[in-house]
Amino acid sequence: MERLPYSHSPRRSRQSTSSVKIDPVAAAAAIAQLHTRSQLSDPTPSAEEPLRLDPKGATYLSWIADGKTMEEVADLEGVKYTERS
């Protein structure tokens, strides 16, 4: 079965920030990567850049747009969903 990417569901409880351990080096590296990618990307949207989704991705996106959670989409599409930790 295919594994779907993680998406936050409103039904889930959030951990308090005090119980989450964050590696400062990994966090700084992630921010640096985001900054670099944002500097290299063109922030101006263009109609000339077509959206490229395969049919399965478009189906998943459609379900999510209808308000389904990742677990519900997995059930509807007959695939296995496992949350990344």
C-alpha atoms as a PDB file:
ATOM      1  CA  MET A   1       0.000   0.000   0.000  1.00  0.00           C
ATOM      2  CA  GLU A   2       1.127   3.557  -0.682  1.00  0.00           C
ATOM      3  CA  ARG A   3       2.108   5.869   2.168  1.00  0.00           C
ATOM      4  CA  LEU A   4       0.619   9.364   2.156  1.00  0.00           C
ATOM      5  CA  PRO A   5       2.573  12.377   3.460  1.00  0.00           C
ATOM      6  CA  TYR A   6       1.767  13.784   6.884  1.00  0.00           C
ATOM      7  CA  SER A   7      -0.788  16.543   7.186  1.00  0.00           C
ATOM      8  CA  HIS A   8      -2.001  18.101  10.419  1.00  0.00           C
ATOM      9  CA  SER A   9      -5.557  17.164  11.235  1.00  0.00           C
ATOM     10  CA  PRO A  10      -7.684  19.489  13.417  1.00  0.00           C
ATOM     11  CA  ARG A  11      -8.723  16.441  15.465  1.00  0.00           C
ATOM     12  CA  ARG A  12      -5.221  15.819  16.763  1.00  0.00           C
ATOM     13  CA  SER A  13      -4.087  17.274  20.028  1.00  0.00           C
ATOM     14  CA  ARG A  14      -0.934  19.352  19.867  1.00  0.00           C
ATOM     15  CA  GLN A  15       1.995  18.798  22.186  1.00  0.00           C
ATOM     16  CA  SER A  16       2.892  21.700  24.383  1.00  0.00           C
ATOM     17  CA  THR A  17       6.030  23.477  23.218  1.00  0.00           C
ATOM     18  CA  SER A  18       7.713  22.879  26.549  1.00  0.00           C
ATOM     19  CA  SER A  19       7.708  19.087  25.993  1.00  0.00           C
ATOM     20  CA  VAL A  20       9.148  19.253  22.464  1.00  0.00           C
ATOM     21  CA  LYS A  21      12.926  18.974  22.262  1.00  0.00           C
ATOM     22  CA  ILE A  22      14.397  20.912  19.348  1.00  0.00           C
ATOM     23  CA  ASP A  23      17.944  20.409  18.147  1.00  0.00           C
ATOM     24  CA  PRO A  24      19.230  23.991  17.658  1.00  0.00           C
ATOM     25  CA  VAL A  25      21.738  22.956  14.965  1.00  0.00           C
ATOM     26  CA  ALA A  26      19.083  21.088  12.950  1.00  0.00           C
ATOM     27  CA  ALA A  27      16.665  24.001  13.376  1.00  0.00           C
ATOM     28  CA  ALA A  28      19.267  26.506  12.147  1.00  0.00           C
ATOM     29  CA  ALA A  29      20.077  24.275   9.165  1.00  0.00           C
ATOM     30  CA  ALA A  30      16.391  23.988   8.272  1.00  0.00           C
ATOM     31  CA  ILE A  31      15.938  27.766   8.429  1.00  0.00           C
ATOM     32  CA  ALA A  32      19.042  28.283   6.285  1.00  0.00           C
ATOM     33  CA  GLN A  33      17.690  25.868   3.661  1.00  0.00           C
ATOM     34  CA  LEU A  34      14.301  27.601   3.625  1.00  0.00           C
ATOM     35  CA  HIS A  35      15.960  30.986   3.294  1.00  0.00           C
ATOM     36  CA  THR A  36      18.157  29.803   0.420  1.00  0.00           C
ATOM     37  CA  ARG A  37      15.222  28.222  -1.405  1.00  0.00           C
ATOM     38  CA  SER A  38      13.136  31.372  -0.988  1.00  0.00           C
ATOM     39  CA  GLN A  39      15.987  33.486  -2.382  1.00  0.00           C
ATOM     40  CA  LEU A  40      16.416  31.207  -5.398  1.00  0.00           C
ATOM     41  CA  SER A  41      12.724  30.887  -6.255  1.00  0.00           C
ATOM     42  CA  ASP A  42      10.725  33.337  -8.332  1.00  0.00           C
ATOM     43  CA  PRO A  43       8.050  34.745  -5.999  1.00  0.00           C
ATOM     44  CA  THR A  44       5.968  36.062  -8.911  1.00  0.00           C
ATOM     45  CA  PRO A  45       3.321  33.541  -9.947  1.00  0.00           C
ATOM     46  CA  SER A  46       3.037  32.945 -13.657  1.00  0.00           C
ATOM     47  CA  ALA A  47       0.208  31.500 -15.711  1.00  0.00           C
ATOM     48  CA  GLU A  48       2.908  30.025 -17.922  1.00  0.00           C
ATOM     49  CA  GLU A  49       3.982  27.647 -15.156  1.00  0.00           C
ATOM     50  CA  PRO A  50       1.492  24.766 -15.283  1.00  0.00           C
ATOM     51  CA  LEU A  51       0.633  22.872 -12.140  1.00  0.00           C
ATOM     52  CA  ARG A  52       2.100  19.395 -12.435  1.00  0.00           C
ATOM     53  CA  LEU A  53       0.204  16.808 -10.444  1.00  0.00           C
ATOM     54  CA  ASP A  54      -0.142  13.178 -11.350  1.00  0.00           C
ATOM     55  CA  PRO A  55      -3.733  11.874 -11.352  1.00  0.00           C
ATOM     56  CA  LYS A  56      -3.346  10.243  -7.931  1.00  0.00           C
ATOM     57  CA  GLY A  57      -1.935  13.461  -6.403  1.00  0.00           C
ATOM     58  CA  ALA A  58      -4.800  15.455  -7.928  1.00  0.00           C
ATOM     59  CA  THR A  59      -7.294  13.016  -6.412  1.00  0.00           C
ATOM     60  CA  TYR A  60      -5.706  13.332  -2.960  1.00  0.00           C
ATOM     61  CA  LEU A  61      -5.655  17.115  -3.239  1.00  0.00           C
ATOM     62  CA  SER A  62      -9.325  17.103  -4.224  1.00  0.00           C
ATOM     63  CA  TRP A  63     -10.246  15.060  -1.147  1.00  0.00           C
ATOM     64  CA  ILE A  64      -8.233  17.394   1.108  1.00  0.00           C
ATOM     65  CA  ALA A  65      -9.944  20.418  -0.483  1.00  0.00           C
ATOM     66  CA  ASP A  66     -13.272  18.771   0.414  1.00  0.00           C
ATOM     67  CA  GLY A  67     -12.182  18.804   4.060  1.00  0.00           C
ATOM     68  CA  LYS A  68     -11.126  15.178   4.445  1.00  0.00           C
ATOM     69  CA  THR A  69      -8.273  14.299   6.794  1.00  0.00           C
ATOM     70  CA  MET A  70      -5.275  12.297   5.573  1.00  0.00           C
ATOM     71  CA  GLU A  71      -6.624   9.242   7.425  1.00  0.00           C
ATOM     72  CA  GLU A  72     -10.011   9.595   5.706  1.00  0.00           C
ATOM     73  CA  VAL A  73      -8.394  10.015   2.286  1.00  0.00           C
ATOM     74  CA  ALA A  74      -6.302   6.896   2.860  1.00  0.00           C
ATOM     75  CA  ASP A  75      -9.421   4.926   3.773  1.00  0.00           C
ATOM     76  CA  LEU A  76     -11.328   6.256   0.754  1.00  0.00           C
ATOM     77  CA  GLU A  77      -8.464   5.488  -1.640  1.00  0.00           C
ATOM     78  CA  GLY A  78      -7.620   2.115  -0.113  1.00  0.00           C
ATOM     79  CA  VAL A  79      -4.048   2.997   0.832  1.00  0.00           C
ATOM     80  CA  LYS A  80      -2.161   2.756   4.111  1.00  0.00           C
ATOM     81  CA  TYR A  81      -1.467   5.992   5.991  1.00  0.00           C
ATOM     82  CA  THR A  82       1.299   6.157   8.568  1.00  0.00           C
ATOM     83  CA  GLU A  83       2.227   9.363  10.308  1.00  0.00           C
ATOM     84  CA  ARG A  84       5.884  10.313  10.166  1.00  0.00           C
ATOM     85  CA  SER A  85       7.465  10.871  13.535  1.00  0.00           C
END
